[in-house]
Amino acid sequence: RTLVEDAPAAYLKQHHVPFVAIGTTPDD
């Protein structure tokens, strides 16, 4: 799930963990 304030995505980006999101987000 994608959130407007997406803490899980931010955490994974910070720790350089490969991930894919189900949903859309303005974060390219």
PDB file of all heavy atoms in Angstrom:
ATOM      1  N   ARG A   1       0.853  -1.194   0.000  1.00  0.00           N
ATOM      2  CA  ARG A   1       0.000   0.000   0.000  1.00  0.00           C
ATOM      3  C   ARG A   1       0.885   1.239   0.000  1.00  0.00           C
ATOM      4  O   ARG A   1       1.949   1.244   0.632  1.00  0.00           O
ATOM      5  CB  ARG A   1      -0.917  -0.004   1.222  1.00  0.00           C
ATOM      6  CG  ARG A   1      -1.760   1.241   1.395  1.00  0.00           C
ATOM      7  CD  ARG A   1      -2.671   1.114   2.614  1.00  0.00           C
ATOM      8  NE  ARG A   1      -3.852   0.299   2.316  1.00  0.00           N
ATOM      9  CZ  ARG A   1      -4.776  -0.030   3.219  1.00  0.00           C
ATOM     10  NH1 ARG A   1      -4.619   0.345   4.474  1.00  0.00           N
ATOM     11  NH2 ARG A   1      -5.825  -0.744   2.872  1.00  0.00           N
ATOM     12  N   THR A   2       0.459   2.277  -0.714  1.00  0.00           N
ATOM     13  CA  THR A   2       1.205   3.535  -0.716  1.00  0.00           C
ATOM     14  C   THR A   2       0.452   4.575   0.108  1.00  0.00           C
ATOM     15  O   THR A   2      -0.785   4.632   0.088  1.00  0.00           O
ATOM     16  CB  THR A   2       1.411   4.068  -2.141  1.00  0.00           C
ATOM     17  OG1 THR A   2       0.155   4.134  -2.820  1.00  0.00           O
ATOM     18  CG2 THR A   2       2.357   3.168  -2.927  1.00  0.00           C
ATOM     19  N   LEU A   3       1.207   5.397   0.829  1.00  0.00           N
ATOM     20  CA  LEU A   3       0.642   6.404   1.718  1.00  0.00           C
ATOM     21  C   LEU A   3       1.103   7.792   1.304  1.00  0.00           C
ATOM     22  O   LEU A   3       2.156   7.955   0.683  1.00  0.00           O
ATOM     23  CB  LEU A   3       1.072   6.140   3.164  1.00  0.00           C
ATOM     24  CG  LEU A   3       0.782   4.743   3.724  1.00  0.00           C
ATOM     25  CD1 LEU A   3       1.457   4.559   5.067  1.00  0.00           C
ATOM     26  CD2 LEU A   3      -0.724   4.532   3.854  1.00  0.00           C
ATOM     27  N   VAL A   4       0.306   8.801   1.665  1.00  0.00           N
ATOM     28  CA  VAL A   4       0.703  10.181   1.380  1.00  0.00           C
ATOM     29  C   VAL A   4       1.985  10.502   2.131  1.00  0.00           C
ATOM     30  O   VAL A   4       2.948  11.016   1.568  1.00  0.00           O
ATOM     31  CB  VAL A   4      -0.434  11.144   1.761  1.00  0.00           C
ATOM     32  CG1 VAL A   4       0.022  12.595   1.588  1.00  0.00           C
ATOM     33  CG2 VAL A   4      -1.678  10.872   0.905  1.00  0.00           C
ATOM     34  N   GLU A   5       2.012  10.192   3.409  1.00  0.00           N
ATOM     35  CA  GLU A   5       3.233  10.306   4.212  1.00  0.00           C
ATOM     36  C   GLU A   5       3.763   8.887   4.389  1.00  0.00           C
ATOM     37  O   GLU A   5       3.413   8.202   5.344  1.00  0.00           O
ATOM     38  CB  GLU A   5       2.942  10.957   5.572  1.00  0.00           C
ATOM     39  CG  GLU A   5       2.400  12.366   5.488  1.00  0.00           C
ATOM     40  CD  GLU A   5       3.418  13.348   4.926  1.00  0.00           C
ATOM     41  OE1 GLU A   5       4.637  13.098   5.088  1.00  0.00           O
ATOM     42  OE2 GLU A   5       3.006  14.361   4.334  1.00  0.00           O
ATOM     43  N   ASP A   6       4.608   8.444   3.466  1.00  0.00           N
ATOM     44  CA  ASP A   6       4.963   7.026   3.377  1.00  0.00           C
ATOM     45  C   ASP A   6       6.240   6.711   4.166  1.00  0.00           C
ATOM     46  O   ASP A   6       7.342   6.658   3.616  1.00  0.00           O
ATOM     47  CB  ASP A   6       5.137   6.630   1.912  1.00  0.00           C
ATOM     48  CG  ASP A   6       4.800   5.164   1.678  1.00  0.00           C
ATOM     49  OD1 ASP A   6       5.046   4.361   2.591  1.00  0.00           O
ATOM     50  OD2 ASP A   6       4.291   4.823   0.591  1.00  0.00           O
ATOM     51  N   ALA A   7       6.074   6.463   5.464  1.00  0.00           N
ATOM     52  CA  ALA A   7       7.216   6.152   6.325  1.00  0.00           C
ATOM     53  C   ALA A   7       7.919   4.853   5.933  1.00  0.00           C
ATOM     54  O   ALA A   7       9.149   4.800   5.930  1.00  0.00           O
ATOM     55  CB  ALA A   7       6.768   6.096   7.787  1.00  0.00           C
ATOM     56  N   PRO A   8       7.193   3.778   5.578  1.00  0.00           N
ATOM     57  CA  PRO A   8       7.885   2.540   5.160  1.00  0.00           C
ATOM     58  C   PRO A   8       8.767   2.753   3.935  1.00  0.00           C
ATOM     59  O   PRO A   8       9.908   2.280   3.897  1.00  0.00           O
ATOM     60  CB  PRO A   8       6.731   1.575   4.859  1.00  0.00           C
ATOM     61  CG  PRO A   8       5.602   2.075   5.684  1.00  0.00           C
ATOM     62  CD  PRO A   8       5.734   3.562   5.685  1.00  0.00           C
ATOM     63  N   ALA A   9       8.277   3.465   2.932  1.00  0.00           N
ATOM     64  CA  ALA A   9       9.073   3.722   1.735  1.00  0.00           C
ATOM     65  C   ALA A   9      10.293   4.562   2.073  1.00  0.00           C
ATOM     66  O   ALA A   9      11.403   4.308   1.578  1.00  0.00           O
ATOM     67  CB  ALA A   9       8.221   4.417   0.676  1.00  0.00           C
ATOM     68  N   ALA A  10      10.106   5.558   2.924  1.00  0.00           N
ATOM     69  CA  ALA A  10      11.225   6.417   3.318  1.00  0.00           C
ATOM     70  C   ALA A  10      12.298   5.607   4.051  1.00  0.00           C
ATOM     71  O   ALA A  10      13.507   5.807   3.831  1.00  0.00           O
ATOM     72  CB  ALA A  10      10.723   7.556   4.199  1.00  0.00           C
ATOM     73  N   TYR A  11      11.860   4.687   4.914  1.00  0.00           N
ATOM     74  CA  TYR A  11      12.808   3.852   5.657  1.00  0.00           C
ATOM     75  C   TYR A  11      13.615   2.966   4.707  1.00  0.00           C
ATOM     76  O   TYR A  11      14.842   2.848   4.835  1.00  0.00           O
ATOM     77  CB  TYR A  11      12.056   2.990   6.674  1.00  0.00           C
ATOM     78  CG  TYR A  11      12.928   1.979   7.384  1.00  0.00           C
ATOM     79  CD1 TYR A  11      13.700   2.344   8.479  1.00  0.00           C
ATOM     80  CD2 TYR A  11      12.988   0.652   6.945  1.00  0.00           C
ATOM     81  CE1 TYR A  11      14.513   1.429   9.122  1.00  0.00           C
ATOM     82  CE2 TYR A  11      13.795  -0.268   7.576  1.00  0.00           C
ATOM     83  CZ  TYR A  11      14.556   0.119   8.669  1.00  0.00           C
ATOM     84  OH  TYR A  11      15.374  -0.800   9.298  1.00  0.00           O
ATOM     85  N   LEU A  12      12.934   2.342   3.753  1.00  0.00           N
ATOM     86  CA  LEU A  12      13.619   1.442   2.823  1.00  0.00           C
ATOM     87  C   LEU A  12      14.602   2.218   1.935  1.00  0.00           C
ATOM     88  O   LEU A  12      15.696   1.735   1.638  1.00  0.00           O
ATOM     89  CB  LEU A  12      12.596   0.699   1.967  1.00  0.00           C
ATOM     90  CG  LEU A  12      11.705  -0.293   2.733  1.00  0.00           C
ATOM     91  CD1 LEU A  12      10.620  -0.851   1.815  1.00  0.00           C
ATOM     92  CD2 LEU A  12      12.541  -1.432   3.324  1.00  0.00           C
ATOM     93  N   LYS A  13      14.220   3.409   1.507  1.00  0.00           N
ATOM     94  CA  LYS A  13      15.125   4.232   0.705  1.00  0.00           C
ATOM     95  C   LYS A  13      16.349   4.633   1.518  1.00  0.00           C
ATOM     96  O   LYS A  13      17.481   4.599   1.026  1.00  0.00           O
ATOM     97  CB  LYS A  13      14.391   5.471   0.198  1.00  0.00           C
ATOM     98  CG  LYS A  13      13.376   5.189  -0.898  1.00  0.00           C
ATOM     99  CD  LYS A  13      12.587   6.432  -1.283  1.00  0.00           C
ATOM    100  CE  LYS A  13      13.476   7.503  -1.872  1.00  0.00           C
ATOM    101  NZ  LYS A  13      12.688   8.688  -2.307  1.00  0.00           N
ATOM    102  N   GLN A  14      16.124   4.987   2.769  1.00  0.00           N
ATOM    103  CA  GLN A  14      17.220   5.406   3.642  1.00  0.00           C
ATOM    104  C   GLN A  14      18.242   4.289   3.842  1.00  0.00           C
ATOM    105  O   GLN A  14      19.453   4.543   3.909  1.00  0.00           O
ATOM    106  CB  GLN A  14      16.662   5.849   5.003  1.00  0.00           C
ATOM    107  CG  GLN A  14      17.732   6.278   5.999  1.00  0.00           C
ATOM    108  CD  GLN A  14      17.134   6.594   7.368  1.00  0.00           C
ATOM    109  OE1 GLN A  14      15.918   6.587   7.548  1.00  0.00           O
ATOM    110  NE2 GLN A  14      17.996   6.877   8.332  1.00  0.00           N
ATOM    111  N   HIS A  15      17.749   3.048   3.905  1.00  0.00           N
ATOM    112  CA  HIS A  15      18.639   1.913   4.150  1.00  0.00           C
ATOM    113  C   HIS A  15      19.004   1.171   2.856  1.00  0.00           C
ATOM    114  O   HIS A  15      19.558   0.075   2.916  1.00  0.00           O
ATOM    115  CB  HIS A  15      17.985   0.956   5.155  1.00  0.00           C
ATOM    116  CG  HIS A  15      17.914   1.517   6.548  1.00  0.00           C
ATOM    117  ND1 HIS A  15      16.927   2.397   6.931  1.00  0.00           N
ATOM    118  CD2 HIS A  15      18.725   1.335   7.631  1.00  0.00           C
ATOM    119  CE1 HIS A  15      17.113   2.726   8.205  1.00  0.00           C
ATOM    120  NE2 HIS A  15      18.186   2.118   8.647  1.00  0.00           N
ATOM    121  N   HIS A  16      18.680   1.770   1.727  1.00  0.00           N
ATOM    122  CA  HIS A  16      19.082   1.236   0.410  1.00  0.00           C
ATOM    123  C   HIS A  16      18.610  -0.206   0.202  1.00  0.00           C
ATOM    124  O   HIS A  16      19.362  -1.054  -0.287  1.00  0.00           O
ATOM    125  CB  HIS A  16      20.606   1.331   0.246  1.00  0.00           C
ATOM    126  CG  HIS A  16      21.151   2.701   0.514  1.00  0.00           C
ATOM    127  ND1 HIS A  16      20.931   3.775  -0.321  1.00  0.00           N
ATOM    128  CD2 HIS A  16      21.881   3.183   1.558  1.00  0.00           C
ATOM    129  CE1 HIS A  16      21.523   4.853   0.170  1.00  0.00           C
ATOM    130  NE2 HIS A  16      22.092   4.531   1.311  1.00  0.00           N
ATOM    131  N   VAL A  17      17.370  -0.471   0.607  1.00  0.00           N
ATOM    132  CA  VAL A  17      16.783  -1.795   0.433  1.00  0.00           C
ATOM    133  C   VAL A  17      15.970  -1.808  -0.864  1.00  0.00           C
ATOM    134  O   VAL A  17      15.092  -0.960  -1.048  1.00  0.00           O
ATOM    135  CB  VAL A  17      15.868  -2.160   1.617  1.00  0.00           C
ATOM    136  CG1 VAL A  17      15.233  -3.530   1.405  1.00  0.00           C
ATOM    137  CG2 VAL A  17      16.644  -2.119   2.926  1.00  0.00           C
ATOM    138  N   PRO A  18      16.218  -2.739  -1.773  1.00  0.00           N
ATOM    139  CA  PRO A  18      15.420  -2.808  -3.005  1.00  0.00           C
ATOM    140  C   PRO A  18      13.953  -3.089  -2.670  1.00  0.00           C
ATOM    141  O   PRO A  18      13.658  -3.984  -1.887  1.00  0.00           O
ATOM    142  CB  PRO A  18      16.038  -3.975  -3.771  1.00  0.00           C
ATOM    143  CG  PRO A  18      17.386  -4.189  -3.154  1.00  0.00           C
ATOM    144  CD  PRO A  18      17.258  -3.788  -1.728  1.00  0.00           C
ATOM    145  N   PHE A  19      13.044  -2.320  -3.255  1.00  0.00           N
ATOM    146  CA  PHE A  19      11.625  -2.578  -2.996  1.00  0.00           C
ATOM    147  C   PHE A  19      10.779  -2.087  -4.161  1.00  0.00           C
ATOM    148  O   PHE A  19      11.199  -1.265  -4.978  1.00  0.00           O
ATOM    149  CB  PHE A  19      11.178  -1.920  -1.688  1.00  0.00           C
ATOM    150  CG  PHE A  19      11.030  -0.417  -1.728  1.00  0.00           C
ATOM    151  CD1 PHE A  19       9.790   0.171  -1.901  1.00  0.00           C
ATOM    152  CD2 PHE A  19      12.136   0.410  -1.581  1.00  0.00           C
ATOM    153  CE1 PHE A  19       9.645   1.555  -1.927  1.00  0.00           C
ATOM    154  CE2 PHE A  19      12.014   1.786  -1.596  1.00  0.00           C
ATOM    155  CZ  PHE A  19      10.757   2.367  -1.778  1.00  0.00           C
ATOM    156  N   VAL A  20       9.563  -2.630  -4.222  1.00  0.00           N
ATOM    157  CA  VAL A  20       8.562  -2.234  -5.206  1.00  0.00           C
ATOM    158  C   VAL A  20       7.268  -1.989  -4.443  1.00  0.00           C
ATOM    159  O   VAL A  20       6.932  -2.730  -3.511  1.00  0.00           O
ATOM    160  CB  VAL A  20       8.357  -3.324  -6.279  1.00  0.00           C
ATOM    161  CG1 VAL A  20       7.214  -2.967  -7.208  1.00  0.00           C
ATOM    162  CG2 VAL A  20       9.641  -3.537  -7.078  1.00  0.00           C
ATOM    163  N   ALA A  21       6.531  -0.945  -4.830  1.00  0.00           N
ATOM    164  CA  ALA A  21       5.283  -0.609  -4.156  1.00  0.00           C
ATOM    165  C   ALA A  21       4.087  -0.982  -5.018  1.00  0.00           C
ATOM    166  O   ALA A  21       4.092  -0.771  -6.233  1.00  0.00           O
ATOM    167  CB  ALA A  21       5.240   0.878  -3.832  1.00  0.00           C
ATOM    168  N   ILE A  22       3.077  -1.565  -4.380  1.00  0.00           N
ATOM    169  CA  ILE A  22       1.787  -1.767  -5.028  1.00  0.00           C
ATOM    170  C   ILE A  22       0.973  -0.501  -4.788  1.00  0.00           C
ATOM    171  O   ILE A  22       0.626  -0.186  -3.649  1.00  0.00           O
ATOM    172  CB  ILE A  22       1.055  -2.992  -4.458  1.00  0.00           C
ATOM    173  CG1 ILE A  22       1.831  -4.275  -4.776  1.00  0.00           C
ATOM    174  CG2 ILE A  22      -0.365  -3.080  -5.000  1.00  0.00           C
ATOM    175  CD1 ILE A  22       1.220  -5.523  -4.182  1.00  0.00           C
ATOM    176  N   GLY A  23       0.692   0.212  -5.862  1.00  0.00           N
ATOM    177  CA  GLY A  23       0.017   1.498  -5.735  1.00  0.00           C
ATOM    178  C   GLY A  23       0.812   2.561  -6.463  1.00  0.00           C
ATOM    179  O   GLY A  23       1.867   2.284  -7.036  1.00  0.00           O
ATOM    180  N   THR A  24       0.304   3.774  -6.456  1.00  0.00           N
ATOM    181  CA  THR A  24       1.005   4.875  -7.102  1.00  0.00           C
ATOM    182  C   THR A  24       1.510   5.862  -6.057  1.00  0.00           C
ATOM    183  O   THR A  24       0.992   5.922  -4.940  1.00  0.00           O
ATOM    184  CB  THR A  24       0.093   5.610  -8.098  1.00  0.00           C
ATOM    185  OG1 THR A  24      -1.085   6.059  -7.406  1.00  0.00           O
ATOM    186  CG2 THR A  24      -0.318   4.705  -9.235  1.00  0.00           C
ATOM    187  N   THR A  25       2.528   6.601  -6.439  1.00  0.00           N
ATOM    188  CA  THR A  25       3.105   7.620  -5.569  1.00  0.00           C
ATOM    189  C   THR A  25       3.778   8.664  -6.446  1.00  0.00           C
ATOM    190  O   THR A  25       4.296   8.334  -7.513  1.00  0.00           O
ATOM    191  CB  THR A  25       4.135   7.000  -4.593  1.00  0.00           C
ATOM    192  OG1 THR A  25       4.867   8.062  -3.943  1.00  0.00           O
ATOM    193  CG2 THR A  25       5.128   6.107  -5.317  1.00  0.00           C
ATOM    194  N   PRO A  26       3.768   9.922  -6.025  1.00  0.00           N
ATOM    195  CA  PRO A  26       4.450  10.959  -6.811  1.00  0.00           C
ATOM    196  C   PRO A  26       5.962  10.851  -6.746  1.00  0.00           C
ATOM    197  O   PRO A  26       6.665  11.540  -7.486  1.00  0.00           O
ATOM    198  CB  PRO A  26       3.955  12.268  -6.174  1.00  0.00           C
ATOM    199  CG  PRO A  26       3.537  11.891  -4.790  1.00  0.00           C
ATOM    200  CD  PRO A  26       3.015  10.488  -4.890  1.00  0.00           C
ATOM    201  N   ASP A  27       6.481   9.982  -5.884  1.00  0.00           N
ATOM    202  CA  ASP A  27       7.926   9.806  -5.735  1.00  0.00           C
ATOM    203  C   ASP A  27       8.458   8.975  -6.906  1.00  0.00           C
ATOM    204  O   ASP A  27       8.274   7.759  -6.964  1.00  0.00           O
ATOM    205  CB  ASP A  27       8.229   9.109  -4.406  1.00  0.00           C
ATOM    206  CG  ASP A  27       9.729   9.061  -4.103  1.00  0.00           C
ATOM    207  OD1 ASP A  27      10.534   9.322  -5.021  1.00  0.00           O
ATOM    208  OD2 ASP A  27      10.086   8.777  -2.944  1.00  0.00           O
ATOM    209  N   ASP A  28       9.133   9.621  -7.833  1.00  0.00           N
ATOM    210  CA  ASP A  28       9.636   8.934  -9.023  1.00  0.00           C
ATOM    211  C   ASP A  28      10.773   7.963  -8.719  1.00  0.00           C
ATOM    212  O   ASP A  28      11.159   7.173  -9.590  1.00  0.00           O
ATOM    213  CB  ASP A  28      10.114   9.961 -10.066  1.00  0.00           C
ATOM    214  CG  ASP A  28       8.964  10.763 -10.643  1.00  0.00           C
ATOM    215  OD1 ASP A  28       7.839  10.233 -10.660  1.00  0.00           O
ATOM    216  OD2 ASP A  28       9.183  11.924 -11.053  1.00  0.00           O
TER     217      ASP A  28
END
